[in-house]
Amino acid sequence: MNRLKEVRKIKGLTLEEVSKDIGISIANLSRYERENIELKRETWIKLADYYNVPVSYLMGLPEGLIRYIDHLGNMTFENLHDAVVWWGYVRNIINVKNTHKQFMKVTEELGELAEGINKDNQGQIKDSLGDILVTLIILSKDSDVDLLDCLRGAYDVIKDRTGKTVNGVFVKEEDLHE
């Protein structure tokens, strides 16, 4: 059985949006999702490229997800973000009812980062930073907030900020005069 509908729902897309973006009629997309029909190779490739998943995974082949995860080393930050979201959904971790628990997971990982920094343990620091990113991505999905939009917004605020570094910490210009 194919995973077309599952992937579309996880990506938060409607049939109308997909239809408009890739040029396949809503009726055909709906039929592809409902029925076990043989799609043209070009159609599978077009859909897999659009959803950013391997064709084999989209077709429902079990090794597809494994190959997808194996290629993480070649993925962009946004691809990795999507892979973490997918991982969270597949394991039923992403759930609005778990927001408080997920926040506690973020703070737990921050504690591990603090320990790594205090012990000057580069392996623990690297592992903790990765775990923090994973927990933040999941927390953002639980909270229905796009983490990449948050990062873009934060950058827009700081990109032109002036100030100076005092004792290793950046201090905003307006805070220097207090």
N, C-alpha and C. Protein backbone atom coordinates (compact mmCIF):
# COMPACT_ATOMS: atom_id res chain seq x y z
N MET A 1 0.84 -1.20 0.00
CA MET A 1 0.00 0.00 0.00
C MET A 1 0.88 1.25 0.00
N ASN A 2 0.53 2.23 -0.81
CA ASN A 2 1.36 3.44 -0.88
C ASN A 2 1.11 4.34 0.33
N ARG A 3 2.00 5.30 0.50
CA ARG A 3 1.94 6.21 1.65
C ARG A 3 1.61 7.64 1.22
N LEU A 4 1.00 7.81 0.07
CA LEU A 4 0.75 9.15 -0.46
C LEU A 4 -0.07 10.01 0.50
N LYS A 5 -1.18 9.50 0.97
CA LYS A 5 -2.05 10.28 1.84
C LYS A 5 -1.37 10.55 3.18
N GLU A 6 -0.70 9.53 3.72
CA GLU A 6 -0.01 9.67 4.99
C GLU A 6 1.04 10.78 4.94
N VAL A 7 1.85 10.77 3.89
CA VAL A 7 2.91 11.78 3.75
C VAL A 7 2.30 13.16 3.56
N ARG A 8 1.26 13.26 2.75
CA ARG A 8 0.61 14.57 2.51
C ARG A 8 0.07 15.13 3.82
N LYS A 9 -0.58 14.28 4.63
CA LYS A 9 -1.16 14.74 5.90
C LYS A 9 -0.06 15.17 6.87
N ILE A 10 1.01 14.39 6.94
CA ILE A 10 2.11 14.73 7.84
C ILE A 10 2.74 16.06 7.44
N LYS A 11 2.82 16.31 6.15
CA LYS A 11 3.38 17.58 5.66
C LYS A 11 2.38 18.73 5.83
N GLY A 12 1.14 18.41 6.24
CA GLY A 12 0.13 19.44 6.47
C GLY A 12 -0.40 20.06 5.19
N LEU A 13 -0.48 19.29 4.12
CA LEU A 13 -0.91 19.80 2.83
C LEU A 13 -2.29 19.26 2.45
N THR A 14 -3.03 20.05 1.70
CA THR A 14 -4.32 19.61 1.18
C THR A 14 -4.12 19.07 -0.24
N LEU A 15 -5.10 18.31 -0.70
CA LEU A 15 -5.06 17.82 -2.08
C LEU A 15 -4.96 18.99 -3.05
N GLU A 16 -5.70 20.07 -2.75
CA GLU A 16 -5.70 21.24 -3.61
C GLU A 16 -4.30 21.85 -3.74
N GLU A 17 -3.60 21.96 -2.61
CA GLU A 17 -2.25 22.54 -2.63
C GLU A 17 -1.29 21.69 -3.46
N VAL A 18 -1.33 20.39 -3.23
CA VAL A 18 -0.44 19.49 -3.97
C VAL A 18 -0.77 19.54 -5.46
N SER A 19 -2.06 19.51 -5.78
CA SER A 19 -2.50 19.56 -7.17
C SER A 19 -1.96 20.80 -7.87
N LYS A 20 -2.12 21.93 -7.22
CA LYS A 20 -1.67 23.20 -7.79
C LYS A 20 -0.14 23.23 -7.96
N ASP A 21 0.57 22.73 -6.94
CA ASP A 21 2.03 22.79 -6.95
C ASP A 21 2.68 21.88 -7.98
N ILE A 22 2.09 20.70 -8.22
CA ILE A 22 2.77 19.76 -9.11
C ILE A 22 2.02 19.47 -10.40
N GLY A 23 0.83 20.04 -10.56
CA GLY A 23 0.13 19.91 -11.83
C GLY A 23 -0.54 18.57 -12.09
N ILE A 24 -1.01 17.94 -11.04
CA ILE A 24 -1.81 16.71 -11.17
C ILE A 24 -3.19 17.04 -10.64
N SER A 25 -4.22 16.61 -11.35
CA SER A 25 -5.58 16.97 -10.94
C SER A 25 -5.91 16.43 -9.55
N ILE A 26 -6.79 17.15 -8.84
CA ILE A 26 -7.23 16.73 -7.51
C ILE A 26 -7.86 15.34 -7.60
N ALA A 27 -8.67 15.12 -8.63
CA ALA A 27 -9.34 13.81 -8.79
C ALA A 27 -8.31 12.69 -8.90
N ASN A 28 -7.27 12.89 -9.70
CA ASN A 28 -6.25 11.86 -9.84
C ASN A 28 -5.47 11.66 -8.55
N LEU A 29 -5.09 12.75 -7.89
CA LEU A 29 -4.36 12.63 -6.62
C LEU A 29 -5.19 11.85 -5.61
N SER A 30 -6.46 12.18 -5.52
CA SER A 30 -7.35 11.49 -4.58
C SER A 30 -7.42 10.00 -4.92
N ARG A 31 -7.54 9.70 -6.19
CA ARG A 31 -7.60 8.31 -6.63
C ARG A 31 -6.28 7.60 -6.31
N TYR A 32 -5.15 8.27 -6.53
CA TYR A 32 -3.84 7.67 -6.23
C TYR A 32 -3.74 7.33 -4.74
N GLU A 33 -4.30 8.20 -3.88
CA GLU A 33 -4.24 7.97 -2.44
C GLU A 33 -5.18 6.84 -1.99
N ARG A 34 -6.34 6.73 -2.63
CA ARG A 34 -7.37 5.76 -2.20
C ARG A 34 -7.17 4.35 -2.75
N GLU A 35 -6.70 4.28 -3.96
CA GLU A 35 -6.67 3.01 -4.66
C GLU A 35 -5.25 2.50 -4.84
N ASN A 36 -5.13 1.21 -4.88
CA ASN A 36 -3.83 0.60 -5.11
C ASN A 36 -3.66 0.45 -6.63
N ILE A 37 -3.30 1.55 -7.27
CA ILE A 37 -3.14 1.53 -8.72
C ILE A 37 -1.68 1.76 -9.08
N GLU A 38 -1.32 1.31 -10.23
CA GLU A 38 0.06 1.45 -10.70
C GLU A 38 0.24 2.84 -11.32
N LEU A 39 1.08 3.65 -10.71
CA LEU A 39 1.37 4.98 -11.24
C LEU A 39 2.54 4.89 -12.22
N LYS A 40 2.59 5.84 -13.11
CA LYS A 40 3.74 5.94 -14.00
C LYS A 40 4.97 6.28 -13.17
N ARG A 41 6.10 5.82 -13.64
CA ARG A 41 7.36 6.08 -12.95
C ARG A 41 7.58 7.59 -12.75
N GLU A 42 7.26 8.37 -13.78
CA GLU A 42 7.44 9.82 -13.71
C GLU A 42 6.56 10.44 -12.62
N THR A 43 5.38 9.87 -12.43
CA THR A 43 4.46 10.38 -11.40
C THR A 43 5.01 10.09 -10.00
N TRP A 44 5.51 8.87 -9.80
CA TRP A 44 6.12 8.54 -8.51
C TRP A 44 7.29 9.48 -8.22
N ILE A 45 8.11 9.71 -9.21
CA ILE A 45 9.29 10.58 -9.03
C ILE A 45 8.85 12.01 -8.72
N LYS A 46 7.86 12.50 -9.44
CA LYS A 46 7.36 13.86 -9.22
C LYS A 46 6.82 14.00 -7.79
N LEU A 47 6.04 13.03 -7.33
CA LEU A 47 5.47 13.07 -5.98
C LEU A 47 6.56 12.92 -4.92
N ALA A 48 7.50 12.01 -5.14
CA ALA A 48 8.59 11.81 -4.17
C ALA A 48 9.45 13.06 -4.06
N ASP A 49 9.75 13.69 -5.18
CA ASP A 49 10.53 14.93 -5.16
C ASP A 49 9.77 16.03 -4.42
N TYR A 50 8.48 16.12 -4.68
CA TYR A 50 7.66 17.14 -4.04
C TYR A 50 7.63 16.97 -2.52
N TYR A 51 7.43 15.71 -2.07
CA TYR A 51 7.34 15.43 -0.64
C TYR A 51 8.71 15.26 0.01
N ASN A 52 9.77 15.23 -0.82
CA ASN A 52 11.13 15.09 -0.32
C ASN A 52 11.33 13.77 0.43
N VAL A 53 10.83 12.69 -0.16
CA VAL A 53 11.03 11.34 0.37
C VAL A 53 11.43 10.44 -0.79
N PRO A 54 12.07 9.31 -0.49
CA PRO A 54 12.43 8.39 -1.56
C PRO A 54 11.18 7.77 -2.21
N VAL A 55 11.27 7.47 -3.49
CA VAL A 55 10.17 6.85 -4.20
C VAL A 55 9.78 5.54 -3.52
N SER A 56 10.77 4.74 -3.15
CA SER A 56 10.48 3.44 -2.54
C SER A 56 9.70 3.59 -1.24
N TYR A 57 10.00 4.63 -0.48
CA TYR A 57 9.25 4.85 0.75
C TYR A 57 7.82 5.26 0.43
N LEU A 58 7.67 6.17 -0.51
CA LEU A 58 6.35 6.65 -0.90
C LEU A 58 5.48 5.50 -1.43
N MET A 59 6.11 4.56 -2.10
CA MET A 59 5.39 3.41 -2.64
C MET A 59 5.01 2.41 -1.54
N GLY A 60 5.58 2.58 -0.34
CA GLY A 60 5.26 1.68 0.76
C GLY A 60 6.24 0.55 0.95
N LEU A 61 7.39 0.65 0.30
CA LEU A 61 8.40 -0.39 0.46
C LEU A 61 9.16 -0.16 1.77
N PRO A 62 9.28 -1.15 2.63
CA PRO A 62 9.87 -0.95 3.96
C PRO A 62 11.31 -0.45 3.96
N GLU A 63 12.12 -0.86 3.00
CA GLU A 63 13.51 -0.42 3.00
C GLU A 63 13.65 1.05 2.61
N GLY A 64 12.59 1.65 2.12
CA GLY A 64 12.65 3.05 1.72
C GLY A 64 13.01 3.98 2.86
N LEU A 65 12.39 3.80 4.00
CA LEU A 65 12.69 4.66 5.15
C LEU A 65 14.12 4.46 5.61
N ILE A 66 14.58 3.24 5.59
CA ILE A 66 15.96 2.96 6.01
C ILE A 66 16.94 3.69 5.09
N ARG A 67 16.71 3.62 3.78
CA ARG A 67 17.60 4.32 2.84
C ARG A 67 17.52 5.83 3.05
N TYR A 68 16.32 6.33 3.35
CA TYR A 68 16.14 7.75 3.59
C TYR A 68 16.97 8.19 4.80
N ILE A 69 16.90 7.44 5.85
CA ILE A 69 17.65 7.78 7.05
C ILE A 69 19.16 7.63 6.81
N ASP A 70 19.56 6.62 6.03
CA ASP A 70 20.97 6.43 5.73
C ASP A 70 21.57 7.61 4.98
N HIS A 71 20.76 8.37 4.26
CA HIS A 71 21.25 9.50 3.49
C HIS A 71 21.24 10.81 4.28
N LEU A 72 21.04 10.75 5.58
CA LEU A 72 20.96 11.97 6.38
C LEU A 72 22.23 12.81 6.28
N GLY A 73 23.36 12.17 6.10
CA GLY A 73 24.62 12.91 6.01
C GLY A 73 24.67 13.88 4.85
N ASN A 74 23.84 13.68 3.84
CA ASN A 74 23.84 14.53 2.66
C ASN A 74 22.67 15.51 2.66
N MET A 75 21.99 15.66 3.78
CA MET A 75 20.77 16.46 3.81
C MET A 75 21.05 17.88 4.32
N THR A 76 20.22 18.81 3.87
CA THR A 76 20.28 20.18 4.37
C THR A 76 19.64 20.24 5.75
N PHE A 77 19.78 21.37 6.42
CA PHE A 77 19.15 21.55 7.72
C PHE A 77 17.63 21.34 7.60
N GLU A 78 17.04 21.90 6.56
CA GLU A 78 15.59 21.75 6.39
C GLU A 78 15.19 20.30 6.13
N ASN A 79 16.01 19.55 5.36
CA ASN A 79 15.74 18.13 5.14
C ASN A 79 15.83 17.36 6.45
N LEU A 80 16.86 17.67 7.24
CA LEU A 80 17.01 17.00 8.54
C LEU A 80 15.83 17.34 9.45
N HIS A 81 15.40 18.59 9.43
CA HIS A 81 14.23 19.01 10.21
C HIS A 81 13.03 18.14 9.83
N ASP A 82 12.78 18.00 8.54
CA ASP A 82 11.66 17.19 8.07
C ASP A 82 11.81 15.73 8.48
N ALA A 83 13.05 15.21 8.45
CA ALA A 83 13.29 13.82 8.85
C ALA A 83 12.99 13.63 10.33
N VAL A 84 13.37 14.59 11.17
CA VAL A 84 13.08 14.51 12.60
C VAL A 84 11.57 14.55 12.84
N VAL A 85 10.88 15.43 12.12
CA VAL A 85 9.42 15.50 12.25
C VAL A 85 8.80 14.18 11.86
N TRP A 86 9.24 13.63 10.74
CA TRP A 86 8.72 12.33 10.29
C TRP A 86 8.97 11.27 11.36
N TRP A 87 10.19 11.22 11.89
CA TRP A 87 10.56 10.27 12.93
C TRP A 87 9.63 10.42 14.14
N GLY A 88 9.35 11.66 14.54
CA GLY A 88 8.47 11.91 15.68
C GLY A 88 7.05 11.44 15.43
N TYR A 89 6.55 11.66 14.21
CA TYR A 89 5.20 11.22 13.88
C TYR A 89 5.11 9.69 13.85
N VAL A 90 6.09 9.06 13.24
CA VAL A 90 6.07 7.60 13.11
C VAL A 90 6.07 6.94 14.49
N ARG A 91 6.71 7.56 15.47
CA ARG A 91 6.80 7.00 16.82
C ARG A 91 5.74 7.57 17.77
N ASN A 92 4.83 8.33 17.22
CA ASN A 92 3.74 8.94 18.01
C ASN A 92 4.26 9.81 19.15
N ILE A 93 5.39 10.46 18.94
CA ILE A 93 5.95 11.37 19.94
C ILE A 93 5.32 12.74 19.80
N ILE A 94 5.08 13.16 18.57
CA ILE A 94 4.50 14.48 18.33
C ILE A 94 3.01 14.42 18.62
N ASN A 95 2.63 15.15 19.66
CA ASN A 95 1.24 15.14 20.12
C ASN A 95 1.05 16.37 21.01
N VAL A 96 0.05 17.17 20.70
CA VAL A 96 -0.18 18.40 21.47
C VAL A 96 -0.35 18.11 22.96
N LYS A 97 -0.80 16.92 23.30
CA LYS A 97 -0.98 16.55 24.71
C LYS A 97 0.36 16.33 25.43
N ASN A 98 1.43 16.21 24.66
CA ASN A 98 2.75 15.96 25.24
C ASN A 98 3.63 17.21 25.34
N THR A 99 3.08 18.38 25.07
CA THR A 99 3.89 19.59 25.02
C THR A 99 4.68 19.81 26.30
N HIS A 100 4.06 19.67 27.45
CA HIS A 100 4.78 19.89 28.72
C HIS A 100 5.89 18.86 28.92
N LYS A 101 5.59 17.61 28.56
CA LYS A 101 6.61 16.55 28.67
C LYS A 101 7.77 16.82 27.72
N GLN A 102 7.45 17.29 26.53
CA GLN A 102 8.50 17.57 25.56
C GLN A 102 9.36 18.74 26.02
N PHE A 103 8.73 19.74 26.65
CA PHE A 103 9.50 20.85 27.20
C PHE A 103 10.47 20.34 28.27
N MET A 104 10.02 19.42 29.09
CA MET A 104 10.90 18.85 30.12
C MET A 104 12.06 18.11 29.47
N LYS A 105 11.81 17.47 28.33
CA LYS A 105 12.87 16.78 27.60
C LYS A 105 13.91 17.79 27.10
N VAL A 106 13.45 18.95 26.65
CA VAL A 106 14.37 20.02 26.21
C VAL A 106 15.27 20.42 27.38
N THR A 107 14.67 20.65 28.54
CA THR A 107 15.47 21.09 29.70
C THR A 107 16.42 19.99 30.18
N GLU A 108 16.00 18.74 30.05
CA GLU A 108 16.90 17.62 30.39
C GLU A 108 18.13 17.63 29.50
N GLU A 109 17.92 17.86 28.21
CA GLU A 109 19.04 17.90 27.28
C GLU A 109 19.93 19.12 27.54
N LEU A 110 19.33 20.24 27.95
CA LEU A 110 20.13 21.43 28.31
C LEU A 110 21.03 21.11 29.50
N GLY A 111 20.51 20.35 30.46
CA GLY A 111 21.32 19.93 31.61
C GLY A 111 22.50 19.08 31.17
N GLU A 112 22.28 18.19 30.22
CA GLU A 112 23.37 17.36 29.71
C GLU A 112 24.40 18.21 28.98
N LEU A 113 23.94 19.26 28.28
CA LEU A 113 24.87 20.17 27.62
C LEU A 113 25.71 20.90 28.66
N ALA A 114 25.08 21.38 29.72
CA ALA A 114 25.81 22.07 30.78
C ALA A 114 26.88 21.16 31.38
N GLU A 115 26.53 19.91 31.60
CA GLU A 115 27.49 18.95 32.13
C GLU A 115 28.67 18.77 31.17
N GLY A 116 28.36 18.65 29.88
CA GLY A 116 29.42 18.49 28.87
C GLY A 116 30.35 19.69 28.83
N ILE A 117 29.76 20.89 28.93
CA ILE A 117 30.58 22.11 28.93
C ILE A 117 31.44 22.16 30.18
N ASN A 118 30.85 21.87 31.34
CA ASN A 118 31.60 21.90 32.60
C ASN A 118 32.74 20.90 32.62
N LYS A 119 32.56 19.77 31.97
CA LYS A 119 33.60 18.73 31.93
C LYS A 119 34.49 18.84 30.70
N ASP A 120 34.23 19.85 29.86
CA ASP A 120 34.97 20.05 28.61
C ASP A 120 34.99 18.77 27.79
N ASN A 121 33.81 18.13 27.69
CA ASN A 121 33.64 16.88 26.97
C ASN A 121 33.01 17.18 25.61
N GLN A 122 33.85 17.28 24.57
CA GLN A 122 33.37 17.67 23.24
C GLN A 122 32.34 16.69 22.68
N GLY A 123 32.51 15.40 22.93
CA GLY A 123 31.54 14.41 22.47
C GLY A 123 30.17 14.63 23.08
N GLN A 124 30.15 14.89 24.38
CA GLN A 124 28.88 15.13 25.06
C GLN A 124 28.25 16.45 24.61
N ILE A 125 29.08 17.45 24.39
CA ILE A 125 28.57 18.74 23.92
C ILE A 125 27.90 18.57 22.56
N LYS A 126 28.58 17.89 21.65
CA LYS A 126 28.03 17.68 20.31
C LYS A 126 26.74 16.86 20.37
N ASP A 127 26.75 15.78 21.14
CA ASP A 127 25.56 14.94 21.28
C ASP A 127 24.41 15.74 21.89
N SER A 128 24.69 16.52 22.91
CA SER A 128 23.65 17.30 23.59
C SER A 128 23.05 18.36 22.68
N LEU A 129 23.89 19.04 21.91
CA LEU A 129 23.37 20.05 20.99
C LEU A 129 22.45 19.41 19.95
N GLY A 130 22.83 18.25 19.43
CA GLY A 130 21.96 17.53 18.50
C GLY A 130 20.65 17.13 19.14
N ASP A 131 20.73 16.61 20.37
CA ASP A 131 19.51 16.20 21.08
C ASP A 131 18.61 17.40 21.38
N ILE A 132 19.22 18.53 21.70
CA ILE A 132 18.43 19.75 21.95
C ILE A 132 17.68 20.15 20.69
N LEU A 133 18.37 20.11 19.54
CA LEU A 133 17.70 20.45 18.28
C LEU A 133 16.53 19.51 18.02
N VAL A 134 16.72 18.21 18.24
CA VAL A 134 15.64 17.25 18.03
C VAL A 134 14.47 17.56 18.95
N THR A 135 14.74 17.80 20.23
CA THR A 135 13.64 18.06 21.16
C THR A 135 12.95 19.38 20.85
N LEU A 136 13.68 20.38 20.39
CA LEU A 136 13.06 21.66 20.01
C LEU A 136 12.19 21.51 18.77
N ILE A 137 12.65 20.72 17.81
CA ILE A 137 11.84 20.49 16.61
C ILE A 137 10.53 19.82 16.99
N ILE A 138 10.60 18.81 17.84
CA ILE A 138 9.38 18.11 18.27
C ILE A 138 8.49 19.04 19.09
N LEU A 139 9.07 19.81 19.99
CA LEU A 139 8.30 20.77 20.78
C LEU A 139 7.61 21.79 19.88
N SER A 140 8.30 22.24 18.84
CA SER A 140 7.69 23.22 17.94
C SER A 140 6.50 22.62 17.21
N LYS A 141 6.58 21.35 16.84
CA LYS A 141 5.44 20.69 16.18
C LYS A 141 4.30 20.52 17.17
N ASP A 142 4.60 20.13 18.42
CA ASP A 142 3.56 20.01 19.45
C ASP A 142 2.85 21.34 19.65
N SER A 143 3.61 22.43 19.53
CA SER A 143 3.07 23.78 19.77
C SER A 143 2.53 24.42 18.51
N ASP A 144 2.58 23.72 17.39
CA ASP A 144 2.11 24.21 16.10
C ASP A 144 2.82 25.50 15.71
N VAL A 145 4.14 25.50 15.89
CA VAL A 145 4.99 26.64 15.57
C VAL A 145 6.08 26.14 14.63
N ASP A 146 6.34 26.85 13.55
CA ASP A 146 7.38 26.47 12.61
C ASP A 146 8.72 26.96 13.15
N LEU A 147 9.56 26.03 13.55
CA LEU A 147 10.84 26.37 14.16
C LEU A 147 11.74 27.15 13.21
N LEU A 148 11.70 26.81 11.93
CA LEU A 148 12.52 27.55 10.97
C LEU A 148 12.03 28.99 10.83
N ASP A 149 10.72 29.21 10.92
CA ASP A 149 10.21 30.58 10.93
C ASP A 149 10.67 31.33 12.18
N CYS A 150 10.70 30.63 13.31
CA CYS A 150 11.20 31.25 14.55
C CYS A 150 12.65 31.68 14.39
N LEU A 151 13.46 30.80 13.79
CA LEU A 151 14.87 31.11 13.58
C LEU A 151 15.04 32.29 12.62
N ARG A 152 14.24 32.30 11.55
CA ARG A 152 14.30 33.43 10.60
C ARG A 152 13.91 34.72 11.31
N GLY A 153 12.87 34.67 12.13
CA GLY A 153 12.43 35.86 12.87
C GLY A 153 13.48 36.35 13.83
N ALA A 154 14.12 35.42 14.55
CA ALA A 154 15.17 35.80 15.49
C ALA A 154 16.36 36.42 14.76
N TYR A 155 16.71 35.83 13.62
CA TYR A 155 17.82 36.39 12.86
C TYR A 155 17.50 37.79 12.36
N ASP A 156 16.27 37.99 11.89
CA ASP A 156 15.86 39.32 11.43
C ASP A 156 16.01 40.36 12.54
N VAL A 157 15.79 39.94 13.79
CA VAL A 157 15.92 40.86 14.92
C VAL A 157 17.38 41.16 15.21
N ILE A 158 18.25 40.16 15.13
CA ILE A 158 19.64 40.37 15.55
C ILE A 158 20.59 40.80 14.44
N LYS A 159 20.21 40.61 13.19
CA LYS A 159 21.18 40.80 12.09
C LYS A 159 21.79 42.20 12.05
N ASP A 160 21.07 43.22 12.45
CA ASP A 160 21.59 44.58 12.43
C ASP A 160 21.87 45.11 13.83
N ARG A 161 21.81 44.25 14.81
CA ARG A 161 22.01 44.67 16.20
C ARG A 161 23.45 45.08 16.43
N THR A 162 23.62 46.14 17.17
CA THR A 162 24.96 46.61 17.52
C THR A 162 25.18 46.42 19.01
N GLY A 163 26.43 46.42 19.40
CA GLY A 163 26.82 46.23 20.79
C GLY A 163 28.26 45.77 20.82
N LYS A 164 28.63 45.14 21.92
CA LYS A 164 29.99 44.61 21.99
C LYS A 164 30.01 43.41 22.93
N THR A 165 31.10 42.66 22.82
CA THR A 165 31.26 41.47 23.64
C THR A 165 31.98 41.86 24.92
N VAL A 166 31.35 41.53 26.05
CA VAL A 166 31.91 41.81 27.37
C VAL A 166 32.03 40.49 28.11
N ASN A 167 33.26 40.14 28.49
CA ASN A 167 33.51 38.87 29.19
C ASN A 167 32.93 37.67 28.44
N GLY A 168 33.06 37.68 27.12
CA GLY A 168 32.62 36.56 26.30
C GLY A 168 31.14 36.54 25.99
N VAL A 169 30.38 37.57 26.39
CA VAL A 169 28.94 37.62 26.15
C VAL A 169 28.62 38.89 25.36
N PHE A 170 27.83 38.75 24.28
CA PHE A 170 27.43 39.91 23.50
C PHE A 170 26.39 40.71 24.27
N VAL A 171 26.63 42.01 24.40
CA VAL A 171 25.71 42.91 25.10
C VAL A 171 25.19 43.92 24.07
N LYS A 172 23.87 44.04 23.99
CA LYS A 172 23.23 44.97 23.04
C LYS A 172 23.65 46.41 23.39
N GLU A 173 23.73 47.22 22.35
CA GLU A 173 24.10 48.63 22.51
C GLU A 173 23.27 49.32 23.58
N GLU A 174 21.95 49.13 23.54
CA GLU A 174 21.07 49.81 24.50
C GLU A 174 21.28 49.35 25.93
N ASP A 175 21.86 48.14 26.12
CA ASP A 175 22.10 47.63 27.47
C ASP A 175 23.46 48.06 28.01
N LEU A 176 24.32 48.60 27.15
CA LEU A 176 25.65 49.01 27.57
C LEU A 176 25.62 50.27 28.44
N HIS A 177 24.55 51.04 28.33
CA HIS A 177 24.49 52.32 29.02
C HIS A 177 23.73 52.26 30.32
N GLU A 178 23.37 51.07 30.76
CA GLU A 178 22.60 50.96 32.02
C GLU A 178 23.50 50.82 33.20
